[in-house]
N, C-alpha and C. Protein backbone atom coordinates (compact mmCIF):
# COMPACT_ATOMS: atom_id res chain seq x y z
N UNK A 1 20.73 4.62 -9.10
CA UNK A 1 19.65 4.92 -8.18
C UNK A 1 20.25 5.10 -6.79
N UNK A 2 20.08 6.28 -6.23
CA UNK A 2 20.64 6.62 -4.93
C UNK A 2 19.66 6.22 -3.83
N UNK A 3 20.06 5.28 -2.97
CA UNK A 3 19.16 4.77 -1.94
C UNK A 3 19.70 5.05 -0.53
N UNK A 4 20.13 6.27 -0.26
CA UNK A 4 20.67 6.65 1.03
C UNK A 4 19.52 7.14 1.92
N UNK A 5 19.56 6.77 3.20
CA UNK A 5 18.54 7.17 4.16
C UNK A 5 18.98 8.47 4.83
N UNK A 6 18.27 9.56 4.61
CA UNK A 6 18.61 10.86 5.16
C UNK A 6 17.33 11.47 5.74
N UNK A 7 17.24 11.51 7.08
CA UNK A 7 16.02 11.95 7.76
C UNK A 7 15.64 13.38 7.42
N UNK A 8 16.60 14.29 7.36
CA UNK A 8 16.30 15.69 7.03
C UNK A 8 15.74 15.80 5.61
N UNK A 9 16.36 15.07 4.70
CA UNK A 9 15.90 15.10 3.32
C UNK A 9 14.49 14.51 3.20
N UNK A 10 14.22 13.44 3.92
CA UNK A 10 12.89 12.82 3.91
C UNK A 10 11.85 13.82 4.42
N UNK A 11 12.18 14.53 5.51
CA UNK A 11 11.25 15.52 6.06
C UNK A 11 10.99 16.65 5.06
N UNK A 12 12.04 17.12 4.40
CA UNK A 12 11.90 18.20 3.42
C UNK A 12 11.01 17.77 2.26
N UNK A 13 11.31 16.61 1.69
CA UNK A 13 10.55 16.11 0.53
C UNK A 13 9.10 15.82 0.93
N UNK A 14 8.90 15.28 2.13
CA UNK A 14 7.54 14.99 2.61
C UNK A 14 6.73 16.27 2.71
N UNK A 15 7.32 17.33 3.25
CA UNK A 15 6.60 18.60 3.40
C UNK A 15 6.30 19.24 2.04
N UNK A 16 7.24 19.16 1.12
CA UNK A 16 7.00 19.71 -0.22
C UNK A 16 5.85 18.97 -0.89
N UNK A 17 5.89 17.64 -0.85
CA UNK A 17 4.81 16.85 -1.45
C UNK A 17 3.48 17.11 -0.77
N UNK A 18 3.49 17.23 0.57
CA UNK A 18 2.26 17.50 1.31
C UNK A 18 1.63 18.81 0.84
N UNK A 19 2.46 19.82 0.64
CA UNK A 19 1.96 21.12 0.17
C UNK A 19 1.41 21.02 -1.24
N UNK A 20 2.07 20.27 -2.11
CA UNK A 20 1.63 20.16 -3.50
C UNK A 20 0.37 19.31 -3.61
N UNK A 21 0.33 18.18 -2.90
CA UNK A 21 -0.86 17.32 -2.94
C UNK A 21 -2.04 18.05 -2.32
N UNK A 22 -1.81 18.79 -1.23
CA UNK A 22 -2.82 19.61 -0.57
C UNK A 22 -4.12 18.87 -0.31
N UNK A 23 -4.01 17.73 0.36
CA UNK A 23 -5.19 16.92 0.65
C UNK A 23 -6.14 17.65 1.59
N UNK A 24 -5.63 18.48 2.48
CA UNK A 24 -6.49 19.25 3.38
C UNK A 24 -7.31 20.25 2.57
N UNK A 25 -6.67 20.92 1.62
CA UNK A 25 -7.37 21.87 0.76
C UNK A 25 -8.35 21.20 -0.19
N UNK A 26 -8.16 19.90 -0.41
CA UNK A 26 -9.04 19.16 -1.31
C UNK A 26 -10.25 18.56 -0.61
N UNK A 27 -10.36 18.76 0.69
CA UNK A 27 -11.49 18.17 1.44
C UNK A 27 -12.84 18.54 0.83
N UNK A 28 -13.07 19.82 0.44
CA UNK A 28 -14.38 20.12 -0.17
C UNK A 28 -14.62 19.35 -1.47
N UNK A 29 -13.59 19.15 -2.27
CA UNK A 29 -13.73 18.38 -3.51
C UNK A 29 -14.04 16.93 -3.17
N UNK A 30 -13.34 16.39 -2.19
CA UNK A 30 -13.53 15.00 -1.79
C UNK A 30 -14.95 14.79 -1.25
N UNK A 31 -15.43 15.73 -0.44
CA UNK A 31 -16.79 15.65 0.08
C UNK A 31 -17.79 15.70 -1.06
N UNK A 32 -17.55 16.59 -2.01
CA UNK A 32 -18.44 16.70 -3.18
C UNK A 32 -18.47 15.40 -3.97
N UNK A 33 -17.30 14.79 -4.17
CA UNK A 33 -17.24 13.51 -4.89
C UNK A 33 -17.99 12.42 -4.13
N UNK A 34 -17.85 12.42 -2.82
CA UNK A 34 -18.55 11.41 -2.02
C UNK A 34 -20.06 11.61 -2.11
N UNK A 35 -20.50 12.86 -2.13
CA UNK A 35 -21.93 13.14 -2.22
C UNK A 35 -22.51 12.74 -3.57
N UNK A 36 -21.75 12.91 -4.64
CA UNK A 36 -22.28 12.60 -5.98
C UNK A 36 -22.10 11.14 -6.37
N UNK A 37 -21.08 10.49 -5.83
CA UNK A 37 -20.82 9.12 -6.29
C UNK A 37 -21.01 8.07 -5.20
N UNK A 38 -21.46 8.48 -4.04
CA UNK A 38 -21.65 7.51 -2.97
C UNK A 38 -20.36 7.30 -2.19
N UNK A 39 -20.17 6.11 -1.74
CA UNK A 39 -19.01 5.78 -0.91
C UNK A 39 -17.72 5.83 -1.72
N UNK A 40 -16.70 6.48 -1.18
CA UNK A 40 -15.39 6.51 -1.81
C UNK A 40 -14.59 5.30 -1.37
N UNK A 41 -13.85 4.75 -2.28
CA UNK A 41 -12.99 3.61 -1.96
C UNK A 41 -11.61 4.17 -1.60
N UNK A 42 -11.45 4.53 -0.33
CA UNK A 42 -10.23 5.22 0.10
C UNK A 42 -8.98 4.37 -0.10
N UNK A 43 -9.08 3.06 0.14
CA UNK A 43 -7.93 2.19 -0.07
C UNK A 43 -7.52 2.13 -1.53
N UNK A 44 -8.50 1.97 -2.40
CA UNK A 44 -8.24 1.90 -3.84
C UNK A 44 -7.66 3.21 -4.36
N UNK A 45 -8.25 4.33 -3.96
CA UNK A 45 -7.76 5.63 -4.40
C UNK A 45 -6.33 5.87 -3.92
N UNK A 46 -6.05 5.50 -2.68
CA UNK A 46 -4.70 5.68 -2.13
C UNK A 46 -3.69 4.79 -2.84
N UNK A 47 -4.07 3.54 -3.07
CA UNK A 47 -3.17 2.60 -3.74
C UNK A 47 -2.88 3.03 -5.18
N UNK A 48 -3.92 3.46 -5.90
CA UNK A 48 -3.73 3.92 -7.27
C UNK A 48 -2.85 5.18 -7.29
N UNK A 49 -3.06 6.09 -6.34
CA UNK A 49 -2.22 7.30 -6.25
C UNK A 49 -0.77 6.93 -6.00
N UNK A 50 -0.55 6.00 -5.07
CA UNK A 50 0.80 5.54 -4.76
C UNK A 50 1.46 4.95 -6.00
N UNK A 51 0.73 4.10 -6.69
CA UNK A 51 1.25 3.45 -7.89
C UNK A 51 1.59 4.48 -8.97
N UNK A 52 0.70 5.44 -9.20
CA UNK A 52 0.93 6.47 -10.20
C UNK A 52 2.20 7.26 -9.86
N UNK A 53 2.34 7.66 -8.59
CA UNK A 53 3.49 8.47 -8.20
C UNK A 53 4.81 7.71 -8.32
N UNK A 54 4.82 6.45 -7.88
CA UNK A 54 6.06 5.67 -7.93
C UNK A 54 6.45 5.37 -9.38
N UNK A 55 5.48 4.96 -10.19
CA UNK A 55 5.78 4.67 -11.60
C UNK A 55 6.25 5.94 -12.30
N UNK A 56 5.58 7.06 -12.04
CA UNK A 56 5.97 8.30 -12.69
C UNK A 56 7.34 8.79 -12.22
N UNK A 57 7.67 8.52 -10.97
CA UNK A 57 8.98 8.90 -10.45
C UNK A 57 10.10 8.26 -11.27
N UNK A 58 9.91 6.99 -11.62
CA UNK A 58 10.95 6.26 -12.34
C UNK A 58 10.86 6.37 -13.85
N UNK A 59 9.64 6.51 -14.38
CA UNK A 59 9.49 6.44 -15.84
C UNK A 59 8.82 7.66 -16.47
N UNK A 60 8.40 8.62 -15.66
CA UNK A 60 7.61 9.75 -16.16
C UNK A 60 8.22 10.51 -17.31
N UNK A 61 9.44 10.95 -17.11
CA UNK A 61 10.08 11.76 -18.15
C UNK A 61 10.26 10.95 -19.43
N UNK A 62 10.63 9.68 -19.31
CA UNK A 62 10.82 8.82 -20.48
C UNK A 62 9.52 8.59 -21.22
N UNK A 63 8.44 8.38 -20.47
CA UNK A 63 7.13 8.15 -21.09
C UNK A 63 6.69 9.39 -21.86
N UNK A 64 6.83 10.56 -21.22
CA UNK A 64 6.44 11.79 -21.89
C UNK A 64 7.27 12.04 -23.15
N UNK A 65 8.57 11.81 -23.06
CA UNK A 65 9.44 11.99 -24.23
C UNK A 65 9.10 11.00 -25.33
N UNK A 66 8.74 9.78 -24.95
CA UNK A 66 8.40 8.74 -25.93
C UNK A 66 7.21 9.16 -26.78
N UNK A 67 6.25 9.83 -26.17
CA UNK A 67 5.07 10.26 -26.94
C UNK A 67 5.18 11.71 -27.41
N UNK A 68 6.38 12.26 -27.30
CA UNK A 68 6.64 13.59 -27.85
C UNK A 68 6.14 14.74 -26.99
N UNK A 69 6.02 14.52 -25.68
CA UNK A 69 5.58 15.57 -24.78
C UNK A 69 6.67 15.89 -23.77
N UNK A 70 6.58 17.06 -23.21
CA UNK A 70 7.48 17.36 -22.09
C UNK A 70 6.62 17.67 -20.87
N UNK A 71 7.25 17.93 -19.75
CA UNK A 71 6.50 18.15 -18.51
C UNK A 71 5.61 19.39 -18.60
N UNK A 72 5.99 20.36 -19.41
CA UNK A 72 5.15 21.55 -19.57
C UNK A 72 3.82 21.20 -20.25
N UNK A 73 3.88 20.38 -21.29
CA UNK A 73 2.64 19.94 -21.96
C UNK A 73 1.73 19.22 -20.97
N UNK A 74 2.35 18.35 -20.18
CA UNK A 74 1.62 17.56 -19.19
C UNK A 74 0.98 18.48 -18.15
N UNK A 75 1.72 19.46 -17.70
CA UNK A 75 1.21 20.39 -16.69
C UNK A 75 0.06 21.23 -17.23
N UNK A 76 0.16 21.67 -18.48
CA UNK A 76 -0.91 22.47 -19.08
C UNK A 76 -2.20 21.65 -19.21
N UNK A 77 -2.08 20.41 -19.64
CA UNK A 77 -3.26 19.54 -19.74
C UNK A 77 -3.90 19.37 -18.37
N UNK A 78 -3.09 19.16 -17.36
CA UNK A 78 -3.60 19.02 -16.00
C UNK A 78 -4.26 20.29 -15.50
N UNK A 79 -3.74 21.44 -15.93
CA UNK A 79 -4.34 22.70 -15.50
C UNK A 79 -5.77 22.85 -16.01
N UNK A 80 -6.05 22.31 -17.20
CA UNK A 80 -7.42 22.35 -17.72
C UNK A 80 -8.36 21.50 -16.87
N UNK A 81 -7.90 20.31 -16.48
CA UNK A 81 -8.72 19.44 -15.63
C UNK A 81 -9.01 20.13 -14.30
N UNK A 82 -7.98 20.71 -13.70
CA UNK A 82 -8.15 21.42 -12.42
C UNK A 82 -9.09 22.62 -12.60
N UNK A 83 -8.96 23.31 -13.74
CA UNK A 83 -9.82 24.46 -14.05
C UNK A 83 -11.29 24.05 -14.07
N UNK A 84 -11.61 22.95 -14.72
CA UNK A 84 -13.00 22.51 -14.81
C UNK A 84 -13.55 22.02 -13.47
N UNK A 85 -12.71 21.37 -12.69
CA UNK A 85 -13.13 20.96 -11.34
C UNK A 85 -13.45 22.21 -10.51
N UNK A 86 -12.61 23.24 -10.64
CA UNK A 86 -12.82 24.49 -9.91
C UNK A 86 -14.13 25.16 -10.34
N UNK A 87 -14.41 25.17 -11.64
CA UNK A 87 -15.67 25.75 -12.12
C UNK A 87 -16.87 25.03 -11.53
N UNK A 88 -16.79 23.71 -11.46
CA UNK A 88 -17.88 22.94 -10.85
C UNK A 88 -18.10 23.36 -9.41
N UNK A 89 -17.00 23.55 -8.68
CA UNK A 89 -17.11 23.90 -7.27
C UNK A 89 -17.68 25.31 -7.09
N UNK A 90 -17.23 26.25 -7.90
CA UNK A 90 -17.65 27.65 -7.75
C UNK A 90 -19.09 27.84 -8.21
N UNK A 91 -19.42 27.30 -9.37
CA UNK A 91 -20.73 27.54 -9.98
C UNK A 91 -21.80 26.54 -9.57
N UNK A 92 -21.40 25.45 -8.91
CA UNK A 92 -22.37 24.44 -8.49
C UNK A 92 -22.98 23.69 -9.67
N UNK A 93 -22.20 23.49 -10.73
CA UNK A 93 -22.69 22.78 -11.91
C UNK A 93 -21.89 21.49 -12.10
N UNK A 94 -22.40 20.59 -12.91
CA UNK A 94 -21.71 19.34 -13.22
C UNK A 94 -21.22 19.39 -14.65
N UNK A 95 -19.90 19.37 -14.84
CA UNK A 95 -19.32 19.34 -16.18
C UNK A 95 -18.90 17.92 -16.55
N UNK A 96 -18.50 17.17 -15.54
CA UNK A 96 -18.09 15.78 -15.77
C UNK A 96 -19.31 14.90 -15.79
N UNK A 97 -19.40 14.07 -16.79
CA UNK A 97 -20.48 13.11 -16.88
C UNK A 97 -20.16 11.95 -15.95
N UNK A 98 -21.07 11.61 -15.09
CA UNK A 98 -20.85 10.49 -14.19
C UNK A 98 -21.08 9.20 -14.97
N UNK A 99 -20.02 8.39 -15.05
CA UNK A 99 -20.14 7.12 -15.76
C UNK A 99 -20.58 6.03 -14.78
N UNK A 100 -19.66 5.59 -13.97
CA UNK A 100 -19.96 4.60 -12.96
C UNK A 100 -19.46 5.16 -11.65
N UNK A 101 -20.25 5.06 -10.60
CA UNK A 101 -19.87 5.70 -9.35
C UNK A 101 -18.54 5.20 -8.81
N UNK A 102 -18.16 3.97 -9.08
CA UNK A 102 -16.91 3.43 -8.55
C UNK A 102 -15.69 4.08 -9.19
N UNK A 103 -15.86 4.74 -10.35
CA UNK A 103 -14.71 5.37 -11.00
C UNK A 103 -14.26 6.62 -10.27
N UNK A 104 -15.08 7.18 -9.41
CA UNK A 104 -14.69 8.40 -8.69
C UNK A 104 -13.49 8.15 -7.79
N UNK A 105 -13.25 6.90 -7.43
CA UNK A 105 -12.09 6.62 -6.59
C UNK A 105 -10.79 6.75 -7.37
N UNK A 106 -10.86 6.61 -8.67
CA UNK A 106 -9.65 6.71 -9.49
C UNK A 106 -9.61 8.06 -10.22
N UNK A 107 -10.66 8.37 -10.97
CA UNK A 107 -10.73 9.64 -11.69
C UNK A 107 -11.95 10.39 -11.19
N UNK A 108 -11.87 11.57 -10.70
CA UNK A 108 -10.73 12.47 -10.60
C UNK A 108 -10.02 12.43 -9.24
N UNK A 109 -10.33 11.45 -8.37
CA UNK A 109 -9.75 11.45 -7.03
C UNK A 109 -8.26 11.09 -7.03
N UNK A 110 -7.92 9.87 -7.46
CA UNK A 110 -6.50 9.48 -7.47
C UNK A 110 -5.73 10.31 -8.48
N UNK A 111 -6.32 10.51 -9.65
CA UNK A 111 -5.72 11.36 -10.67
C UNK A 111 -6.83 12.21 -11.26
N UNK A 112 -6.75 13.50 -11.28
CA UNK A 112 -5.61 14.37 -11.02
C UNK A 112 -5.58 15.01 -9.63
N UNK A 113 -6.54 14.69 -8.74
CA UNK A 113 -6.59 15.41 -7.47
C UNK A 113 -5.42 15.09 -6.55
N UNK A 114 -5.14 13.81 -6.32
CA UNK A 114 -4.05 13.44 -5.41
C UNK A 114 -2.73 13.35 -6.17
N UNK A 115 -2.67 12.49 -7.15
CA UNK A 115 -1.45 12.33 -7.95
C UNK A 115 -1.64 13.10 -9.25
N UNK A 116 -1.78 14.39 -9.13
CA UNK A 116 -2.03 15.23 -10.29
C UNK A 116 -0.76 15.73 -10.94
N UNK A 117 -0.94 16.61 -11.89
CA UNK A 117 0.21 17.10 -12.65
C UNK A 117 1.19 17.86 -11.77
N UNK A 118 0.66 18.60 -10.79
CA UNK A 118 1.55 19.32 -9.89
C UNK A 118 2.42 18.36 -9.10
N UNK A 119 1.81 17.31 -8.58
CA UNK A 119 2.55 16.31 -7.82
C UNK A 119 3.56 15.60 -8.70
N UNK A 120 3.13 15.18 -9.88
CA UNK A 120 4.02 14.41 -10.76
C UNK A 120 5.16 15.28 -11.29
N UNK A 121 4.86 16.51 -11.62
CA UNK A 121 5.91 17.41 -12.09
C UNK A 121 6.89 17.72 -10.96
N UNK A 122 6.37 17.89 -9.74
CA UNK A 122 7.23 18.12 -8.58
C UNK A 122 8.15 16.92 -8.35
N UNK A 123 7.61 15.72 -8.47
CA UNK A 123 8.43 14.51 -8.30
C UNK A 123 9.57 14.48 -9.32
N UNK A 124 9.26 14.83 -10.56
CA UNK A 124 10.30 14.83 -11.59
C UNK A 124 11.39 15.85 -11.27
N UNK A 125 10.98 17.04 -10.81
CA UNK A 125 11.98 18.06 -10.52
C UNK A 125 12.79 17.72 -9.26
N UNK A 126 12.16 17.12 -8.26
CA UNK A 126 12.87 16.76 -7.03
C UNK A 126 13.80 15.57 -7.23
N UNK A 127 13.53 14.79 -8.24
CA UNK A 127 14.37 13.62 -8.51
C UNK A 127 15.81 14.03 -8.80
N UNK A 128 15.97 15.21 -9.36
CA UNK A 128 17.32 15.71 -9.66
C UNK A 128 18.04 16.20 -8.41
N UNK A 129 17.29 16.57 -7.36
CA UNK A 129 17.88 17.14 -6.16
C UNK A 129 18.03 16.16 -5.01
N UNK A 130 17.10 15.22 -4.88
CA UNK A 130 17.05 14.36 -3.70
C UNK A 130 17.22 12.90 -4.09
N UNK A 131 17.66 12.10 -3.10
CA UNK A 131 17.87 10.68 -3.41
C UNK A 131 16.54 9.93 -3.50
N UNK A 132 16.56 8.84 -4.20
CA UNK A 132 15.37 8.07 -4.51
C UNK A 132 14.70 7.53 -3.25
N UNK A 133 15.48 7.08 -2.27
CA UNK A 133 14.91 6.55 -1.03
C UNK A 133 14.08 7.61 -0.32
N UNK A 134 14.59 8.83 -0.25
CA UNK A 134 13.85 9.93 0.39
C UNK A 134 12.54 10.18 -0.33
N UNK A 135 12.57 10.19 -1.64
CA UNK A 135 11.36 10.42 -2.43
C UNK A 135 10.33 9.31 -2.21
N UNK A 136 10.79 8.06 -2.21
CA UNK A 136 9.87 6.94 -2.01
C UNK A 136 9.23 6.97 -0.63
N UNK A 137 10.02 7.25 0.40
CA UNK A 137 9.48 7.32 1.76
C UNK A 137 8.49 8.48 1.87
N UNK A 138 8.82 9.62 1.27
CA UNK A 138 7.92 10.78 1.30
C UNK A 138 6.60 10.48 0.59
N UNK A 139 6.66 9.75 -0.50
CA UNK A 139 5.44 9.36 -1.22
C UNK A 139 4.57 8.49 -0.32
N UNK A 140 5.17 7.49 0.33
CA UNK A 140 4.42 6.57 1.19
C UNK A 140 3.79 7.33 2.37
N UNK A 141 4.54 8.23 2.99
CA UNK A 141 4.01 9.02 4.12
C UNK A 141 2.81 9.85 3.66
N UNK A 142 2.95 10.52 2.52
CA UNK A 142 1.86 11.37 2.02
C UNK A 142 0.63 10.55 1.63
N UNK A 143 0.83 9.40 1.03
CA UNK A 143 -0.31 8.55 0.68
C UNK A 143 -1.00 8.06 1.95
N UNK A 144 -0.24 7.81 3.00
CA UNK A 144 -0.83 7.44 4.29
C UNK A 144 -1.73 8.54 4.83
N UNK A 145 -1.27 9.79 4.74
CA UNK A 145 -2.09 10.93 5.19
C UNK A 145 -3.35 11.05 4.32
N UNK A 146 -3.18 10.89 3.01
CA UNK A 146 -4.32 10.94 2.09
C UNK A 146 -5.35 9.87 2.47
N UNK A 147 -4.87 8.66 2.74
CA UNK A 147 -5.77 7.56 3.12
C UNK A 147 -6.57 7.92 4.37
N UNK A 148 -5.90 8.49 5.38
CA UNK A 148 -6.58 8.87 6.62
C UNK A 148 -7.66 9.92 6.37
N UNK A 149 -7.35 10.90 5.52
CA UNK A 149 -8.35 11.93 5.20
C UNK A 149 -9.53 11.31 4.45
N UNK A 150 -9.24 10.48 3.45
CA UNK A 150 -10.32 9.85 2.68
C UNK A 150 -11.18 8.94 3.55
N UNK A 151 -10.55 8.22 4.44
CA UNK A 151 -11.26 7.29 5.32
C UNK A 151 -12.17 8.03 6.30
N UNK A 152 -11.78 9.25 6.67
CA UNK A 152 -12.54 10.01 7.67
C UNK A 152 -13.33 11.17 7.09
N UNK A 153 -13.58 11.16 5.80
CA UNK A 153 -14.26 12.28 5.14
C UNK A 153 -15.70 12.45 5.67
N UNK A 154 -16.36 11.37 6.05
CA UNK A 154 -17.72 11.49 6.61
C UNK A 154 -17.71 12.29 7.91
N UNK A 155 -16.73 12.01 8.74
CA UNK A 155 -16.61 12.73 10.01
C UNK A 155 -16.29 14.20 9.76
N UNK A 156 -15.41 14.47 8.81
CA UNK A 156 -15.06 15.85 8.47
C UNK A 156 -16.29 16.60 7.94
N UNK A 157 -17.09 15.89 7.14
CA UNK A 157 -18.30 16.50 6.58
C UNK A 157 -19.30 16.82 7.69
N UNK A 158 -19.42 15.93 8.65
CA UNK A 158 -20.34 16.13 9.77
C UNK A 158 -19.88 17.32 10.63
N UNK A 159 -18.57 17.42 10.86
CA UNK A 159 -18.02 18.52 11.67
C UNK A 159 -18.26 19.86 10.98
N UNK A 160 -18.04 19.90 9.67
CA UNK A 160 -18.18 21.14 8.92
C UNK A 160 -19.63 21.55 8.73
N UNK A 161 -20.52 20.58 8.58
CA UNK A 161 -21.93 20.86 8.32
C UNK A 161 -22.15 21.27 6.87
N UNK A 162 -23.43 21.36 6.49
CA UNK A 162 -23.78 21.69 5.10
C UNK A 162 -23.28 23.07 4.71
N UNK A 163 -23.49 24.05 5.58
CA UNK A 163 -23.05 25.41 5.29
C UNK A 163 -21.54 25.53 5.20
N UNK A 164 -20.86 24.87 6.12
CA UNK A 164 -19.39 24.89 6.12
C UNK A 164 -18.81 24.27 4.86
N UNK A 165 -19.41 23.15 4.43
CA UNK A 165 -18.95 22.49 3.21
C UNK A 165 -19.19 23.39 2.00
N UNK A 166 -20.35 24.05 1.95
CA UNK A 166 -20.67 24.95 0.82
C UNK A 166 -19.69 26.11 0.75
N UNK A 167 -19.38 26.69 1.89
CA UNK A 167 -18.43 27.81 1.93
C UNK A 167 -17.04 27.34 1.52
N UNK A 168 -16.59 26.22 2.11
CA UNK A 168 -15.28 25.68 1.76
C UNK A 168 -15.19 25.34 0.28
N UNK A 169 -16.27 24.78 -0.27
CA UNK A 169 -16.28 24.41 -1.69
C UNK A 169 -16.05 25.64 -2.57
N UNK A 170 -16.73 26.74 -2.26
CA UNK A 170 -16.57 27.96 -3.06
C UNK A 170 -15.17 28.55 -2.90
N UNK A 171 -14.70 28.62 -1.65
CA UNK A 171 -13.39 29.20 -1.38
C UNK A 171 -12.29 28.38 -2.05
N UNK A 172 -12.33 27.06 -1.85
CA UNK A 172 -11.29 26.23 -2.44
C UNK A 172 -11.47 26.09 -3.94
N UNK A 173 -12.68 26.29 -4.44
CA UNK A 173 -12.88 26.33 -5.89
C UNK A 173 -12.12 27.50 -6.50
N UNK A 174 -12.18 28.65 -5.83
CA UNK A 174 -11.45 29.82 -6.32
C UNK A 174 -9.94 29.58 -6.23
N UNK A 175 -9.51 28.96 -5.13
CA UNK A 175 -8.09 28.64 -4.98
C UNK A 175 -7.65 27.66 -6.06
N UNK A 176 -8.45 26.63 -6.32
CA UNK A 176 -8.12 25.68 -7.39
C UNK A 176 -8.07 26.38 -8.74
N UNK A 177 -8.99 27.28 -8.97
CA UNK A 177 -9.00 28.04 -10.23
C UNK A 177 -7.71 28.84 -10.37
N UNK A 178 -7.27 29.47 -9.29
CA UNK A 178 -6.02 30.23 -9.32
C UNK A 178 -4.82 29.31 -9.56
N UNK A 179 -4.84 28.12 -8.94
CA UNK A 179 -3.75 27.16 -9.16
C UNK A 179 -3.72 26.72 -10.62
N UNK A 180 -4.90 26.48 -11.20
CA UNK A 180 -4.96 26.08 -12.61
C UNK A 180 -4.38 27.17 -13.51
N UNK A 181 -4.74 28.42 -13.23
CA UNK A 181 -4.23 29.54 -14.02
C UNK A 181 -2.71 29.64 -13.86
N UNK A 182 -2.23 29.49 -12.62
CA UNK A 182 -0.79 29.59 -12.37
C UNK A 182 -0.04 28.48 -13.11
N UNK A 183 -0.54 27.25 -13.04
CA UNK A 183 0.11 26.14 -13.74
C UNK A 183 0.14 26.41 -15.24
N UNK A 184 -0.99 26.90 -15.78
CA UNK A 184 -1.05 27.20 -17.21
C UNK A 184 -0.08 28.31 -17.57
N UNK A 185 -0.10 29.39 -16.81
CA UNK A 185 0.77 30.55 -17.10
C UNK A 185 2.24 30.19 -17.00
N UNK A 186 2.60 29.44 -15.95
CA UNK A 186 3.99 29.07 -15.73
C UNK A 186 4.53 28.19 -16.85
N UNK A 187 3.69 27.31 -17.34
CA UNK A 187 4.16 26.34 -18.33
C UNK A 187 3.91 26.74 -19.77
N UNK A 188 3.12 27.78 -19.99
CA UNK A 188 2.84 28.20 -21.38
C UNK A 188 3.65 29.43 -21.77
N UNK A 189 4.26 30.08 -20.80
CA UNK A 189 5.03 31.27 -21.11
C UNK A 189 4.17 32.50 -21.30
N UNK A 190 2.90 32.43 -20.94
CA UNK A 190 1.98 33.56 -21.08
C UNK A 190 2.13 34.50 -19.91
């Protein structure tokens, strides 16, 4: 395990993870989840996301191999989840059955929205290029940003207004749909 502190590497990995997690682009989804399930538990969602990313960083490939899967299988499954979330956003329908409102902080918020297949697959691929300390610091920085966005989602919703949220939801729904298609196409060879 390489634990060297390299500021440039930390900045690079942080920016890559920030782009993949895309918490800013997920604001319409987060607002929608808050509207349907009530108050979001930003601390719980952030902590679960952090835990998922760190555990997957160290054990992800082994776990997938143990159950006979590779990262492509994992990415394709995640693309379906992202696809259905996108359909909900674009069409204004509910495909996910709401079980208990408190679960929205973990599913689909912590996984697959924040610590989704794109993030986890990116972590696995970056593990071969960057040292472990840089990856861990980048994960913590990104989870901190996610926490701040989740904690301030009410203010963001107020700033955007009902019309702004509706427009963003449709636009980012289409973007999410395109991301789901890209993940599926890239990993299925289609």
